[in-house]
C-alpha atoms as a PDB file:
ATOM      1  CA  MET A   1     -16.051   3.651  10.874  1.00  0.00           C
ATOM      2  CA  ALA A   2     -12.542   2.287  11.287  1.00  0.00           C
ATOM      3  CA  ASN A   3     -10.750   2.491  14.563  1.00  0.00           C
ATOM      4  CA  ASN A   4      -7.009   2.914  14.851  1.00  0.00           C
ATOM      5  CA  GLN A   5      -6.474  -0.763  15.668  1.00  0.00           C
ATOM      6  CA  GLN A   6      -8.168  -1.903  12.466  1.00  0.00           C
ATOM      7  CA  ILE A   7      -6.016   0.439  10.387  1.00  0.00           C
ATOM      8  CA  GLU A   8      -2.885  -0.669  12.261  1.00  0.00           C
ATOM      9  CA  ASP A   9      -3.780  -4.334  11.635  1.00  0.00           C
ATOM     10  CA  LEU A  10      -4.221  -3.680   7.925  1.00  0.00           C
ATOM     11  CA  ALA A  11      -1.017  -1.634   7.838  1.00  0.00           C
ATOM     12  CA  ALA A  12       0.892  -4.511   9.463  1.00  0.00           C
ATOM     13  CA  GLU A  13      -0.390  -6.952   6.832  1.00  0.00           C
ATOM     14  CA  ILE A  14       0.552  -4.585   4.018  1.00  0.00           C
ATOM     15  CA  GLY A  15       3.904  -3.678   5.529  1.00  0.00           C
ATOM     16  CA  ASP A  16       5.050  -7.277   5.913  1.00  0.00           C
ATOM     17  CA  LYS A  17       4.013  -8.499   2.465  1.00  0.00           C
ATOM     18  CA  VAL A  18       4.322  -5.637  -0.011  1.00  0.00           C
ATOM     19  CA  TYR A  19       7.552  -4.021  -1.147  1.00  0.00           C
ATOM     20  CA  ILE A  20       8.954  -1.351  -3.392  1.00  0.00           C
ATOM     21  CA  ASP A  21      11.746  -2.225  -5.778  1.00  0.00           C
ATOM     22  CA  VAL A  22      14.697   0.134  -6.095  1.00  0.00           C
ATOM     23  CA  ALA A  23      17.634  -1.095  -8.184  1.00  0.00           C
ATOM     24  CA  LYS A  24      16.485  -4.690  -7.552  1.00  0.00           C
ATOM     25  CA  TRP A  25      16.440  -4.110  -3.784  1.00  0.00           C
ATOM     26  CA  HIS A  26      13.169  -5.035  -2.126  1.00  0.00           C
ATOM     27  CA  LEU A  27      12.226  -2.574   0.594  1.00  0.00           C
ATOM     28  CA  TYR A  28       9.109  -3.641   2.445  1.00  0.00           C
ATOM     29  CA  LEU A  29       6.564  -0.899   3.039  1.00  0.00           C
ATOM     30  CA  LYS A  30       6.876  -1.151   6.829  1.00  0.00           C
ATOM     31  CA  ASP A  31      10.623  -0.502   6.552  1.00  0.00           C
ATOM     32  CA  ALA A  32       9.969   2.432   4.220  1.00  0.00           C
ATOM     33  CA  LYS A  33       7.333   3.733   6.676  1.00  0.00           C
ATOM     34  CA  LEU A  34       4.685   3.734   3.940  1.00  0.00           C
ATOM     35  CA  HIS A  35       2.374   0.988   5.195  1.00  0.00           C
ATOM     36  CA  THR A  36       0.236   3.153   7.487  1.00  0.00           C
ATOM     37  CA  THR A  37      -0.270   5.886   4.893  1.00  0.00           C
ATOM     38  CA  LEU A  38      -1.450   3.289   2.406  1.00  0.00           C
ATOM     39  CA  ALA A  39      -3.699   1.512   4.921  1.00  0.00           C
ATOM     40  CA  GLU A  40      -5.347   4.800   5.937  1.00  0.00           C
ATOM     41  CA  GLN A  41      -6.332   5.477   2.343  1.00  0.00           C
ATOM     42  CA  ILE A  42      -7.428   1.942   1.503  1.00  0.00           C
ATOM     43  CA  TYR A  43      -9.350   0.942   4.628  1.00  0.00           C
ATOM     44  CA  PRO A  44     -12.420   3.147   4.044  1.00  0.00           C
ATOM     45  CA  LEU A  45     -12.890   1.535   0.619  1.00  0.00           C
ATOM     46  CA  LEU A  46     -12.754  -2.097   1.727  1.00  0.00           C
ATOM     47  CA  ASN A  47     -16.418  -2.482   2.594  1.00  0.00           C
ATOM     48  CA  ASN A  48     -17.406  -1.230  -0.859  1.00  0.00           C
ATOM     49  CA  GLY A  49     -15.326  -3.788  -2.736  1.00  0.00           C
ATOM     50  CA  LEU A  50     -12.008  -2.232  -3.638  1.00  0.00           C
ATOM     51  CA  ASN A  51     -11.134  -2.827  -7.283  1.00  0.00           C
ATOM     52  CA  GLY A  52      -7.869  -2.715  -9.201  1.00  0.00           C
ATOM     53  CA  ASN A  53      -8.618   0.650 -10.786  1.00  0.00           C
ATOM     54  CA  LYS A  54      -9.245   2.326  -7.450  1.00  0.00           C
ATOM     55  CA  LEU A  55      -6.101   0.747  -5.990  1.00  0.00           C
ATOM     56  CA  THR A  56      -4.072   2.046  -8.937  1.00  0.00           C
ATOM     57  CA  GLU A  57      -5.514   5.514  -8.340  1.00  0.00           C
ATOM     58  CA  ILE A  58      -4.560   5.415  -4.655  1.00  0.00           C
ATOM     59  CA  LEU A  59      -1.019   4.234  -5.435  1.00  0.00           C
ATOM     60  CA  THR A  60      -0.674   6.952  -8.073  1.00  0.00           C
ATOM     61  CA  ASN A  61      -1.776   9.676  -5.658  1.00  0.00           C
ATOM     62  CA  ILE A  62       0.725   8.775  -2.931  1.00  0.00           C
ATOM     63  CA  SER A  63       3.798  10.859  -3.689  1.00  0.00           C
ATOM     64  CA  ILE A  64       7.207   9.591  -2.584  1.00  0.00           C
ATOM     65  CA  ASP A  65      10.232  11.851  -2.164  1.00  0.00           C
ATOM     66  CA  LEU A  66      13.474  10.571  -3.649  1.00  0.00           C
ATOM     67  CA  GLY A  67      16.955  11.899  -3.021  1.00  0.00           C
ATOM     68  CA  GLY A  68      15.905  13.971  -0.024  1.00  0.00           C
ATOM     69  CA  GLY A  69      13.082  15.582  -1.973  1.00  0.00           C
ATOM     70  CA  ARG A  70      15.054  16.343  -5.107  1.00  0.00           C
ATOM     71  CA  GLN A  71      12.534  14.285  -7.074  1.00  0.00           C
ATOM     72  CA  LYS A  72       9.100  12.856  -6.473  1.00  0.00           C
ATOM     73  CA  THR A  73       7.386   9.813  -7.890  1.00  0.00           C
ATOM     74  CA  SER A  74       4.185   7.965  -7.192  1.00  0.00           C
ATOM     75  CA  LEU A  75       4.119   4.832  -5.080  1.00  0.00           C
ATOM     76  CA  LEU A  76       2.710   3.057  -8.129  1.00  0.00           C
ATOM     77  CA  ASN A  77       6.020   3.611  -9.944  1.00  0.00           C
ATOM     78  CA  LEU A  78       7.945   1.880  -7.155  1.00  0.00           C
ATOM     79  CA  ILE A  79       5.789  -1.196  -6.576  1.00  0.00           C
ATOM     80  CA  PRO A  80       6.408  -3.938  -9.160  1.00  0.00           C
ATOM     81  CA  VAL A  81       3.423  -5.658 -10.750  1.00  0.00           C
ATOM     82  CA  THR A  82       3.942  -8.828  -8.689  1.00  0.00           C
ATOM     83  CA  ALA A  83       3.964  -6.853  -5.445  1.00  0.00           C
ATOM     84  CA  GLN A  84       0.884  -4.937  -6.537  1.00  0.00           C
ATOM     85  CA  ALA A  85      -0.889  -8.249  -7.164  1.00  0.00           C
ATOM     86  CA  ARG A  86       0.217  -9.395  -3.697  1.00  0.00           C
ATOM     87  CA  LEU A  87      -1.206  -6.173  -2.245  1.00  0.00           C
ATOM     88  CA  MET A  88      -4.549  -6.905  -3.871  1.00  0.00           C
ATOM     89  CA  ASP A  89      -4.451 -10.456  -2.439  1.00  0.00           C
ATOM     90  CA  VAL A  90      -3.721  -9.062   1.044  1.00  0.00           C
ATOM     91  CA  LEU A  91      -6.617  -6.624   0.735  1.00  0.00           C
ATOM     92  CA  GLN A  92      -9.034  -9.278  -0.491  1.00  0.00           C
ATOM     93  CA  ASP A  93      -8.049 -11.603   2.378  1.00  0.00           C
ATOM     94  CA  TYR A  94      -8.408  -8.787   4.896  1.00  0.00           C
ATOM     95  CA  GLU A  95     -11.777  -7.744   3.472  1.00  0.00           C
ATOM     96  CA  ARG A  96     -13.052 -11.330   3.601  1.00  0.00           C
ATOM     97  CA  ASP A  97     -12.026 -11.630   7.269  1.00  0.00           C
ATOM     98  CA  MET A  98     -13.701  -8.355   8.294  1.00  0.00           C
END
């Protein structure tokens, strides 16, 4: 069972290294306040070997409000492929160090 510190540590790793891309602006997940939400959903799956399909599902299910809630999109739509690959690298490194 994860404690808050473990989730916060994972969130910090994600938040510093993974970004969303909006009009070629890179907004890191910690600045967008999305890193903890993502870490909370991913952490329970790390011990079971998180795979790319499950990560895609998680990113798809996290809904992001745009324009003050006028539209919604999934986090998957905002993270470029290179940043998604970096996220998987971060998760694999974190899992290995657990």
